[in-house]
Amino acid sequence: MFMRSIHPLMLLATLSLAGSVFAQSGDMENLDGVDPGVVQQALESMNSAAGSKLEDALAHQALLEKYVKQANLTETCGTPDSNDQHDMAMSFEKALTIAVDHEMNSPTSAGSAELATPSKVRAYTTLARSTWDRLQTAMGNVQHLTDCLSQQNKLADYGTFETSEAKTNHEQMVAREKAAAKAGQEANAAGEKKVAEQYASWQEAQKKQHAAYLKHAWTAYKFNTNARLKMYKYSQKYGPNSYNQTYAGNRYGPGYGDYGGGDGGYGTY
């Protein structure tokens, strides 16, 4: 297991650049006259695949450097003289030639040729070259440190170290996931509590508003009822056909309220 980790450079053997960029498919060192769309797509595939492998190589390099430092082998191992001192070393130009050759034989995108321009090809070339050079450097460092540990008979010890680191990293990952899950649950609970509090506050406000409405309605009802009662009493006492508005209802009794009638008129002579 640890040998696979020690030699990430072997991953390059299966590096996917729209297929197998490193398949022996001929040399095309001179790309003049090649469709810019083909070159651009080859560069895109090359950069994408190299980028993913670079991440693995850098992780393995960091682990090896950590072990070398812990084992006090930093000065003993030193640093490589160049970035091409590993089993799968290949120049950018050679890799691009093979990638272009593969793209011409097995196109990965039908639309790239229409979008490609010289400026885009130059930009992609700069980007892909940077990624490729970093990958080659990382793989050279891994090869160098691996060879050093082999010379110092430390490969088995490194394997134990790697297993321990993997376990620690896994435990830390699980702890982070648990912490994130707990934080998420707490955030959800806090959100639900806030919503509940807001709803309770809204309900209380509704109750107060309803109580105020009922109080206002009752006050208006009492006022209106009292006013109507007063109006009714006044109407009964002073309104048309009321006791006080008819002569028949005065203190002289019947007959005295009629105009010209009874003794209350002009009388009899």
C-alpha atoms as a PDB file:
ATOM      1  CA  MET A   1       0.000   0.000   0.000  1.00  0.00           C
ATOM      2  CA  PHE A   2       2.732   2.468   0.984  1.00  0.00           C
ATOM      3  CA  MET A   3       4.772   1.722  -2.107  1.00  0.00           C
ATOM      4  CA  ARG A   4       1.895   3.052  -4.198  1.00  0.00           C
ATOM      5  CA  SER A   5       1.968   6.208  -2.123  1.00  0.00           C
ATOM      6  CA  ILE A   6       5.746   6.520  -2.243  1.00  0.00           C
ATOM      7  CA  HIS A   7       5.752   6.355  -6.015  1.00  0.00           C
ATOM      8  CA  PRO A   8       3.007   8.771  -7.179  1.00  0.00           C
ATOM      9  CA  LEU A   9       5.100   9.172 -10.308  1.00  0.00           C
ATOM     10  CA  MET A  10       3.650   5.822 -11.404  1.00  0.00           C
ATOM     11  CA  LEU A  11       0.293   7.562 -11.586  1.00  0.00           C
ATOM     12  CA  LEU A  12       1.610   9.329 -14.626  1.00  0.00           C
ATOM     13  CA  ALA A  13       1.598   6.024 -16.445  1.00  0.00           C
ATOM     14  CA  THR A  14      -2.201   6.257 -16.466  1.00  0.00           C
ATOM     15  CA  LEU A  15      -2.390   9.995 -16.926  1.00  0.00           C
ATOM     16  CA  SER A  16      -5.491  10.689 -18.993  1.00  0.00           C
ATOM     17  CA  LEU A  17      -5.069  13.384 -21.578  1.00  0.00           C
ATOM     18  CA  ALA A  18      -8.189  12.731 -23.592  1.00  0.00           C
ATOM     19  CA  GLY A  19      -6.975   9.151 -23.598  1.00  0.00           C
ATOM     20  CA  SER A  20      -3.390   8.045 -23.043  1.00  0.00           C
ATOM     21  CA  VAL A  21      -1.177  10.997 -23.876  1.00  0.00           C
ATOM     22  CA  PHE A  22       1.872   8.869 -23.395  1.00  0.00           C
ATOM     23  CA  ALA A  23       0.907   6.183 -25.868  1.00  0.00           C
ATOM     24  CA  GLN A  24       3.651   5.753 -28.397  1.00  0.00           C
ATOM     25  CA  SER A  25       1.997   7.397 -31.348  1.00  0.00           C
ATOM     26  CA  GLY A  26       4.857   9.087 -33.152  1.00  0.00           C
ATOM     27  CA  ASP A  27       6.815  12.321 -32.858  1.00  0.00           C
ATOM     28  CA  MET A  28       5.351  15.642 -33.964  1.00  0.00           C
ATOM     29  CA  GLU A  29       7.935  18.018 -32.557  1.00  0.00           C
ATOM     30  CA  ASN A  30       6.940  20.643 -35.116  1.00  0.00           C
ATOM     31  CA  LEU A  31       3.306  21.679 -34.688  1.00  0.00           C
ATOM     32  CA  ASP A  32       3.333  24.257 -37.465  1.00  0.00           C
ATOM     33  CA  GLY A  33       0.308  23.841 -39.682  1.00  0.00           C
ATOM     34  CA  VAL A  34      -1.680  21.926 -37.051  1.00  0.00           C
ATOM     35  CA  ASP A  35      -5.244  23.156 -36.607  1.00  0.00           C
ATOM     36  CA  PRO A  36      -5.258  25.632 -33.647  1.00  0.00           C
ATOM     37  CA  GLY A  37      -8.444  23.996 -32.402  1.00  0.00           C
ATOM     38  CA  VAL A  38      -6.681  20.652 -32.122  1.00  0.00           C
ATOM     39  CA  VAL A  39      -3.730  22.201 -30.296  1.00  0.00           C
ATOM     40  CA  GLN A  40      -6.030  24.104 -27.924  1.00  0.00           C
ATOM     41  CA  GLN A  41      -8.044  21.014 -27.052  1.00  0.00           C
ATOM     42  CA  ALA A  42      -4.848  19.025 -26.505  1.00  0.00           C
ATOM     43  CA  LEU A  43      -3.568  21.750 -24.182  1.00  0.00           C
ATOM     44  CA  GLU A  44      -6.858  21.811 -22.264  1.00  0.00           C
ATOM     45  CA  SER A  45      -6.813  18.043 -21.763  1.00  0.00           C
ATOM     46  CA  MET A  46      -3.142  18.092 -20.873  1.00  0.00           C
ATOM     47  CA  ASN A  47      -3.559  20.864 -18.285  1.00  0.00           C
ATOM     48  CA  SER A  48      -6.634  19.239 -16.723  1.00  0.00           C
ATOM     49  CA  ALA A  49      -5.027  15.825 -16.312  1.00  0.00           C
ATOM     50  CA  ALA A  50      -1.669  17.195 -15.186  1.00  0.00           C
ATOM     51  CA  GLY A  51      -3.429  19.429 -12.654  1.00  0.00           C
ATOM     52  CA  SER A  52      -5.221  16.514 -11.012  1.00  0.00           C
ATOM     53  CA  LYS A  53      -2.002  14.492 -10.808  1.00  0.00           C
ATOM     54  CA  LEU A  54      -0.107  17.524  -9.500  1.00  0.00           C
ATOM     55  CA  GLU A  55      -2.379  17.635  -6.472  1.00  0.00           C
ATOM     56  CA  ASP A  56      -1.586  13.988  -5.694  1.00  0.00           C
ATOM     57  CA  ALA A  57       2.138  14.480  -6.250  1.00  0.00           C
ATOM     58  CA  LEU A  58       2.304  17.529  -3.988  1.00  0.00           C
ATOM     59  CA  ALA A  59       0.428  15.688  -1.235  1.00  0.00           C
ATOM     60  CA  HIS A  60       2.889  12.778  -1.393  1.00  0.00           C
ATOM     61  CA  GLN A  61       5.824  15.135  -1.525  1.00  0.00           C
ATOM     62  CA  ALA A  62       4.592  16.920   1.620  1.00  0.00           C
ATOM     63  CA  LEU A  63       4.169  13.590   3.435  1.00  0.00           C
ATOM     64  CA  LEU A  64       7.666  12.443   2.480  1.00  0.00           C
ATOM     65  CA  GLU A  65       9.175  15.763   3.550  1.00  0.00           C
ATOM     66  CA  LYS A  66       7.368  15.535   6.885  1.00  0.00           C
ATOM     67  CA  TYR A  67       8.777  12.056   7.509  1.00  0.00           C
ATOM     68  CA  VAL A  68      12.268  13.035   6.367  1.00  0.00           C
ATOM     69  CA  LYS A  69      12.253  15.984   8.767  1.00  0.00           C
ATOM     70  CA  GLN A  70      10.915  13.833  11.623  1.00  0.00           C
ATOM     71  CA  ALA A  71      13.620  11.238  10.954  1.00  0.00           C
ATOM     72  CA  ASN A  72      16.343  13.930  10.877  1.00  0.00           C
ATOM     73  CA  LEU A  73      17.230  13.042   7.279  1.00  0.00           C
ATOM     74  CA  THR A  74      16.783  16.481   5.737  1.00  0.00           C
ATOM     75  CA  GLU A  75      20.502  17.109   5.232  1.00  0.00           C
ATOM     76  CA  THR A  76      21.133  13.517   4.257  1.00  0.00           C
ATOM     77  CA  CYS A  77      18.495  13.501   1.536  1.00  0.00           C
ATOM     78  CA  GLY A  78      19.026  17.056   0.314  1.00  0.00           C
ATOM     79  CA  THR A  79      17.237  18.172  -2.879  1.00  0.00           C
ATOM     80  CA  PRO A  80      17.307  16.897  -6.479  1.00  0.00           C
ATOM     81  CA  ASP A  81      19.524  18.628  -8.998  1.00  0.00           C
ATOM     82  CA  SER A  82      16.751  18.924 -11.609  1.00  0.00           C
ATOM     83  CA  ASN A  83      13.081  18.124 -12.128  1.00  0.00           C
ATOM     84  CA  ASP A  84      13.696  15.409 -14.727  1.00  0.00           C
ATOM     85  CA  GLN A  85      15.277  12.898 -12.392  1.00  0.00           C
ATOM     86  CA  HIS A  86      12.380  10.480 -12.203  1.00  0.00           C
ATOM     87  CA  ASP A  87      11.256   7.447 -14.149  1.00  0.00           C
ATOM     88  CA  MET A  88       8.444   9.159 -16.045  1.00  0.00           C
ATOM     89  CA  ALA A  89      10.253  12.407 -16.888  1.00  0.00           C
ATOM     90  CA  MET A  90       9.078  13.994 -20.124  1.00  0.00           C
ATOM     91  CA  SER A  91       9.454  17.468 -21.578  1.00  0.00           C
ATOM     92  CA  PHE A  92       6.440  19.669 -22.104  1.00  0.00           C
ATOM     93  CA  GLU A  93       7.071  19.740 -25.840  1.00  0.00           C
ATOM     94  CA  LYS A  94       7.164  15.958 -26.086  1.00  0.00           C
ATOM     95  CA  ALA A  95       3.997  15.571 -24.005  1.00  0.00           C
ATOM     96  CA  LEU A  96       2.201  18.201 -26.092  1.00  0.00           C
ATOM     97  CA  THR A  97       3.283  16.509 -29.311  1.00  0.00           C
ATOM     98  CA  ILE A  98       1.799  13.205 -28.165  1.00  0.00           C
ATOM     99  CA  ALA A  99      -1.360  14.942 -26.886  1.00  0.00           C
ATOM    100  CA  VAL A 100      -1.863  16.685 -30.224  1.00  0.00           C
ATOM    101  CA  ASP A 101      -1.272  13.449 -32.101  1.00  0.00           C
ATOM    102  CA  HIS A 102      -3.896  11.713 -29.950  1.00  0.00           C
ATOM    103  CA  GLU A 103      -6.329  14.601 -30.383  1.00  0.00           C
ATOM    104  CA  MET A 104      -5.968  14.423 -34.152  1.00  0.00           C
ATOM    105  CA  ASN A 105      -6.730  10.713 -34.125  1.00  0.00           C
ATOM    106  CA  SER A 106      -9.404  10.722 -31.394  1.00  0.00           C
ATOM    107  CA  PRO A 107     -10.938  14.200 -31.065  1.00  0.00           C
ATOM    108  CA  THR A 108     -12.449  14.940 -27.672  1.00  0.00           C
ATOM    109  CA  SER A 109     -14.396  18.065 -28.664  1.00  0.00           C
ATOM    110  CA  ALA A 110     -15.956  18.963 -31.979  1.00  0.00           C
ATOM    111  CA  GLY A 111     -16.470  22.643 -31.143  1.00  0.00           C
ATOM    112  CA  SER A 112     -12.993  23.697 -29.983  1.00  0.00           C
ATOM    113  CA  ALA A 113     -11.639  24.326 -33.501  1.00  0.00           C
ATOM    114  CA  GLU A 114     -14.278  26.994 -34.093  1.00  0.00           C
ATOM    115  CA  LEU A 115     -13.433  28.782 -30.836  1.00  0.00           C
ATOM    116  CA  ALA A 116      -9.644  28.573 -31.012  1.00  0.00           C
ATOM    117  CA  THR A 117      -7.542  31.651 -31.784  1.00  0.00           C
ATOM    118  CA  PRO A 118      -3.757  32.170 -31.740  1.00  0.00           C
ATOM    119  CA  SER A 119      -4.029  34.270 -28.577  1.00  0.00           C
ATOM    120  CA  LYS A 120      -6.055  31.566 -26.816  1.00  0.00           C
ATOM    121  CA  VAL A 121      -3.575  28.905 -27.881  1.00  0.00           C
ATOM    122  CA  ARG A 122      -0.698  30.989 -26.487  1.00  0.00           C
ATOM    123  CA  ALA A 123      -2.559  31.526 -23.208  1.00  0.00           C
ATOM    124  CA  TYR A 124      -3.354  27.819 -22.862  1.00  0.00           C
ATOM    125  CA  THR A 125       0.256  26.968 -23.704  1.00  0.00           C
ATOM    126  CA  THR A 126       1.544  29.178 -20.884  1.00  0.00           C
ATOM    127  CA  LEU A 127      -0.949  27.702 -18.427  1.00  0.00           C
ATOM    128  CA  ALA A 128      -0.354  24.081 -19.413  1.00  0.00           C
ATOM    129  CA  ARG A 129       3.433  24.512 -19.406  1.00  0.00           C
ATOM    130  CA  SER A 130       3.321  25.954 -15.876  1.00  0.00           C
ATOM    131  CA  THR A 131       1.183  23.059 -14.606  1.00  0.00           C
ATOM    132  CA  TRP A 132       3.330  20.505 -16.408  1.00  0.00           C
ATOM    133  CA  ASP A 133       6.606  21.926 -15.045  1.00  0.00           C
ATOM    134  CA  ARG A 134       5.218  21.952 -11.496  1.00  0.00           C
ATOM    135  CA  LEU A 135       4.126  18.329 -11.913  1.00  0.00           C
ATOM    136  CA  GLN A 136       7.547  17.313 -13.179  1.00  0.00           C
ATOM    137  CA  THR A 137       9.221  19.088 -10.258  1.00  0.00           C
ATOM    138  CA  ALA A 138       6.928  17.458  -7.692  1.00  0.00           C
ATOM    139  CA  MET A 139       7.479  14.016  -9.213  1.00  0.00           C
ATOM    140  CA  GLY A 140      11.245  14.588  -9.253  1.00  0.00           C
ATOM    141  CA  ASN A 141      11.141  15.505  -5.554  1.00  0.00           C
ATOM    142  CA  VAL A 142       9.091  12.419  -4.735  1.00  0.00           C
ATOM    143  CA  GLN A 143      11.491  10.178  -6.671  1.00  0.00           C
ATOM    144  CA  HIS A 144      14.487  11.770  -4.974  1.00  0.00           C
ATOM    145  CA  LEU A 145      13.095  11.404  -1.440  1.00  0.00           C
ATOM    146  CA  THR A 146      11.920   7.863  -2.126  1.00  0.00           C
ATOM    147  CA  ASP A 147      15.380   6.852  -3.347  1.00  0.00           C
ATOM    148  CA  CYS A 148      16.920   8.455  -0.275  1.00  0.00           C
ATOM    149  CA  LEU A 149      14.660   6.511   2.098  1.00  0.00           C
ATOM    150  CA  SER A 150      15.458   3.338   0.215  1.00  0.00           C
ATOM    151  CA  GLN A 151      19.181   3.974   0.610  1.00  0.00           C
ATOM    152  CA  GLN A 152      18.700   4.612   4.323  1.00  0.00           C
ATOM    153  CA  ASN A 153      16.588   1.439   4.729  1.00  0.00           C
ATOM    154  CA  LYS A 154      13.670   3.565   5.928  1.00  0.00           C
ATOM    155  CA  LEU A 155      10.965   2.472   3.526  1.00  0.00           C
ATOM    156  CA  ALA A 156       9.293   0.103   5.981  1.00  0.00           C
ATOM    157  CA  ASP A 157       9.383   2.748   8.705  1.00  0.00           C
ATOM    158  CA  TYR A 158       7.928   5.266   6.285  1.00  0.00           C
ATOM    159  CA  GLY A 159       5.138   2.810   5.470  1.00  0.00           C
ATOM    160  CA  THR A 160       4.204   2.701   9.158  1.00  0.00           C
ATOM    161  CA  PHE A 161       4.397   6.472   9.327  1.00  0.00           C
ATOM    162  CA  GLU A 162       2.195   6.832   6.268  1.00  0.00           C
ATOM    163  CA  THR A 163      -0.428   4.470   7.692  1.00  0.00           C
ATOM    164  CA  SER A 164      -0.451   6.407  10.950  1.00  0.00           C
ATOM    165  CA  GLU A 165      -0.777   9.715   9.107  1.00  0.00           C
ATOM    166  CA  ALA A 166      -3.605   8.346   6.998  1.00  0.00           C
ATOM    167  CA  LYS A 167      -5.425   7.205  10.129  1.00  0.00           C
ATOM    168  CA  THR A 168      -4.890  10.571  11.798  1.00  0.00           C
ATOM    169  CA  ASN A 169      -6.064  12.434   8.725  1.00  0.00           C
ATOM    170  CA  HIS A 170      -9.134  10.229   8.514  1.00  0.00           C
ATOM    171  CA  GLU A 171      -9.953  10.800  12.179  1.00  0.00           C
ATOM    172  CA  GLN A 172      -9.509  14.532  11.723  1.00  0.00           C
ATOM    173  CA  MET A 173     -11.742  14.458   8.680  1.00  0.00           C
ATOM    174  CA  VAL A 174     -14.417  12.555  10.608  1.00  0.00           C
ATOM    175  CA  ALA A 175     -14.093  15.018  13.487  1.00  0.00           C
ATOM    176  CA  ARG A 176     -14.472  17.951  11.104  1.00  0.00           C
ATOM    177  CA  GLU A 177     -17.508  16.361   9.519  1.00  0.00           C
ATOM    178  CA  LYS A 178     -19.064  15.753  12.937  1.00  0.00           C
ATOM    179  CA  ALA A 179     -18.298  19.312  13.986  1.00  0.00           C
ATOM    180  CA  ALA A 180     -19.764  20.623  10.761  1.00  0.00           C
ATOM    181  CA  ALA A 181     -22.855  18.442  11.207  1.00  0.00           C
ATOM    182  CA  LYS A 182     -23.236  19.610  14.806  1.00  0.00           C
ATOM    183  CA  ALA A 183     -22.801  23.227  13.772  1.00  0.00           C
ATOM    184  CA  GLY A 184     -25.380  22.689  11.066  1.00  0.00           C
ATOM    185  CA  GLN A 185     -27.820  21.145  13.524  1.00  0.00           C
ATOM    186  CA  GLU A 186     -27.251  23.974  15.991  1.00  0.00           C
ATOM    187  CA  ALA A 187     -27.751  26.519  13.242  1.00  0.00           C
ATOM    188  CA  ASN A 188     -30.982  24.785  12.195  1.00  0.00           C
ATOM    189  CA  ALA A 189     -32.143  24.638  15.811  1.00  0.00           C
ATOM    190  CA  ALA A 190     -31.323  28.311  16.273  1.00  0.00           C
ATOM    191  CA  GLY A 191     -33.166  29.123  13.081  1.00  0.00           C
ATOM    192  CA  GLU A 192     -36.205  27.105  14.139  1.00  0.00           C
ATOM    193  CA  LYS A 193     -36.135  28.758  17.579  1.00  0.00           C
ATOM    194  CA  LYS A 194     -35.984  32.190  15.976  1.00  0.00           C
ATOM    195  CA  VAL A 195     -38.889  31.347  13.708  1.00  0.00           C
ATOM    196  CA  ALA A 196     -40.869  30.018  16.685  1.00  0.00           C
ATOM    197  CA  GLU A 197     -40.118  33.165  18.685  1.00  0.00           C
ATOM    198  CA  GLN A 198     -41.120  35.353  15.774  1.00  0.00           C
ATOM    199  CA  TYR A 199     -44.349  33.393  15.361  1.00  0.00           C
ATOM    200  CA  ALA A 200     -45.087  33.621  19.094  1.00  0.00           C
ATOM    201  CA  SER A 201     -44.411  37.362  18.979  1.00  0.00           C
ATOM    202  CA  TRP A 202     -46.707  37.675  15.984  1.00  0.00           C
ATOM    203  CA  GLN A 203     -49.421  35.714  17.786  1.00  0.00           C
ATOM    204  CA  GLU A 204     -49.090  37.933  20.864  1.00  0.00           C
ATOM    205  CA  ALA A 205     -49.324  41.025  18.702  1.00  0.00           C
ATOM    206  CA  GLN A 206     -52.397  39.574  17.012  1.00  0.00           C
ATOM    207  CA  LYS A 207     -53.985  38.862  20.389  1.00  0.00           C
ATOM    208  CA  LYS A 208     -53.316  42.415  21.577  1.00  0.00           C
ATOM    209  CA  GLN A 209     -54.631  43.820  18.329  1.00  0.00           C
ATOM    210  CA  HIS A 210     -57.741  41.654  18.577  1.00  0.00           C
ATOM    211  CA  ALA A 211     -58.265  42.657  22.213  1.00  0.00           C
ATOM    212  CA  ALA A 212     -57.914  46.325  21.265  1.00  0.00           C
ATOM    213  CA  TYR A 213     -60.399  45.802  18.440  1.00  0.00           C
ATOM    214  CA  LEU A 214     -62.893  44.144  20.793  1.00  0.00           C
ATOM    215  CA  LYS A 215     -62.484  46.929  23.335  1.00  0.00           C
ATOM    216  CA  HIS A 216     -63.012  49.559  20.684  1.00  0.00           C
ATOM    217  CA  ALA A 217     -65.995  47.683  19.273  1.00  0.00           C
ATOM    218  CA  TRP A 218     -67.559  47.329  22.755  1.00  0.00           C
ATOM    219  CA  THR A 219     -66.969  50.989  23.533  1.00  0.00           C
ATOM    220  CA  ALA A 220     -68.508  51.984  20.216  1.00  0.00           C
ATOM    221  CA  TYR A 221     -71.439  49.632  20.813  1.00  0.00           C
ATOM    222  CA  LYS A 222     -72.124  51.076  24.282  1.00  0.00           C
ATOM    223  CA  PHE A 223     -71.819  54.619  23.016  1.00  0.00           C
ATOM    224  CA  ASN A 224     -74.058  53.991  20.027  1.00  0.00           C
ATOM    225  CA  THR A 225     -76.594  52.061  22.104  1.00  0.00           C
ATOM    226  CA  ASN A 226     -76.701  54.801  24.735  1.00  0.00           C
ATOM    227  CA  ALA A 227     -77.050  57.457  22.065  1.00  0.00           C
ATOM    228  CA  ARG A 228     -79.853  55.554  20.375  1.00  0.00           C
ATOM    229  CA  LEU A 229     -81.584  55.090  23.739  1.00  0.00           C
ATOM    230  CA  LYS A 230     -81.377  58.792  24.473  1.00  0.00           C
ATOM    231  CA  MET A 231     -82.664  59.551  20.998  1.00  0.00           C
ATOM    232  CA  TYR A 232     -85.516  57.106  21.516  1.00  0.00           C
ATOM    233  CA  LYS A 233     -86.460  58.591  24.847  1.00  0.00           C
ATOM    234  CA  TYR A 234     -86.303  62.094  23.447  1.00  0.00           C
ATOM    235  CA  SER A 235     -88.394  61.037  20.481  1.00  0.00           C
ATOM    236  CA  GLN A 236     -90.946  59.439  22.733  1.00  0.00           C
ATOM    237  CA  LYS A 237     -91.112  62.526  24.859  1.00  0.00           C
ATOM    238  CA  TYR A 238     -90.849  65.276  22.300  1.00  0.00           C
ATOM    239  CA  GLY A 239     -91.143  63.706  18.851  1.00  0.00           C
ATOM    240  CA  PRO A 240     -94.164  63.659  16.543  1.00  0.00           C
ATOM    241  CA  ASN A 241     -97.261  62.124  18.143  1.00  0.00           C
ATOM    242  CA  SER A 242     -95.494  62.176  21.482  1.00  0.00           C
ATOM    243  CA  TYR A 243     -97.400  63.011  24.653  1.00  0.00           C
ATOM    244  CA  ASN A 244     -95.957  66.502  24.841  1.00  0.00           C
ATOM    245  CA  GLN A 245     -96.589  67.248  21.157  1.00  0.00           C
ATOM    246  CA  THR A 246    -100.382  66.727  21.307  1.00  0.00           C
ATOM    247  CA  TYR A 247    -103.012  68.889  22.974  1.00  0.00           C
ATOM    248  CA  ALA A 248    -104.817  65.756  23.934  1.00  0.00           C
ATOM    249  CA  GLY A 249    -101.943  64.853  26.111  1.00  0.00           C
ATOM    250  CA  ASN A 250    -101.766  68.108  28.093  1.00  0.00           C
ATOM    251  CA  ARG A 251    -102.928  68.601  31.670  1.00  0.00           C
ATOM    252  CA  TYR A 252    -106.394  69.905  30.682  1.00  0.00           C
ATOM    253  CA  GLY A 253    -107.448  66.528  29.516  1.00  0.00           C
ATOM    254  CA  PRO A 254    -109.321  65.380  26.396  1.00  0.00           C
ATOM    255  CA  GLY A 255    -110.940  67.966  24.164  1.00  0.00           C
ATOM    256  CA  TYR A 256    -108.721  70.819  25.119  1.00  0.00           C
ATOM    257  CA  GLY A 257    -106.084  70.164  22.612  1.00  0.00           C
ATOM    258  CA  ASP A 258    -108.192  70.575  19.476  1.00  0.00           C
ATOM    259  CA  TYR A 259    -108.143  73.842  17.595  1.00  0.00           C
ATOM    260  CA  GLY A 260    -111.500  75.563  17.874  1.00  0.00           C
ATOM    261  CA  GLY A 261    -113.014  72.633  19.620  1.00  0.00           C
ATOM    262  CA  GLY A 262    -114.343  72.219  23.092  1.00  0.00           C
ATOM    263  CA  ASP A 263    -114.199  74.873  25.730  1.00  0.00           C
ATOM    264  CA  GLY A 264    -110.592  75.472  24.966  1.00  0.00           C
ATOM    265  CA  GLY A 265    -111.503  77.336  21.749  1.00  0.00           C
ATOM    266  CA  TYR A 266    -113.466  80.461  21.530  1.00  0.00           C
ATOM    267  CA  GLY A 267    -116.001  79.061  23.895  1.00  0.00           C
ATOM    268  CA  THR A 268    -119.786  79.286  23.601  1.00  0.00           C
ATOM    269  CA  TYR A 269    -121.814  82.373  23.735  1.00  0.00           C
END
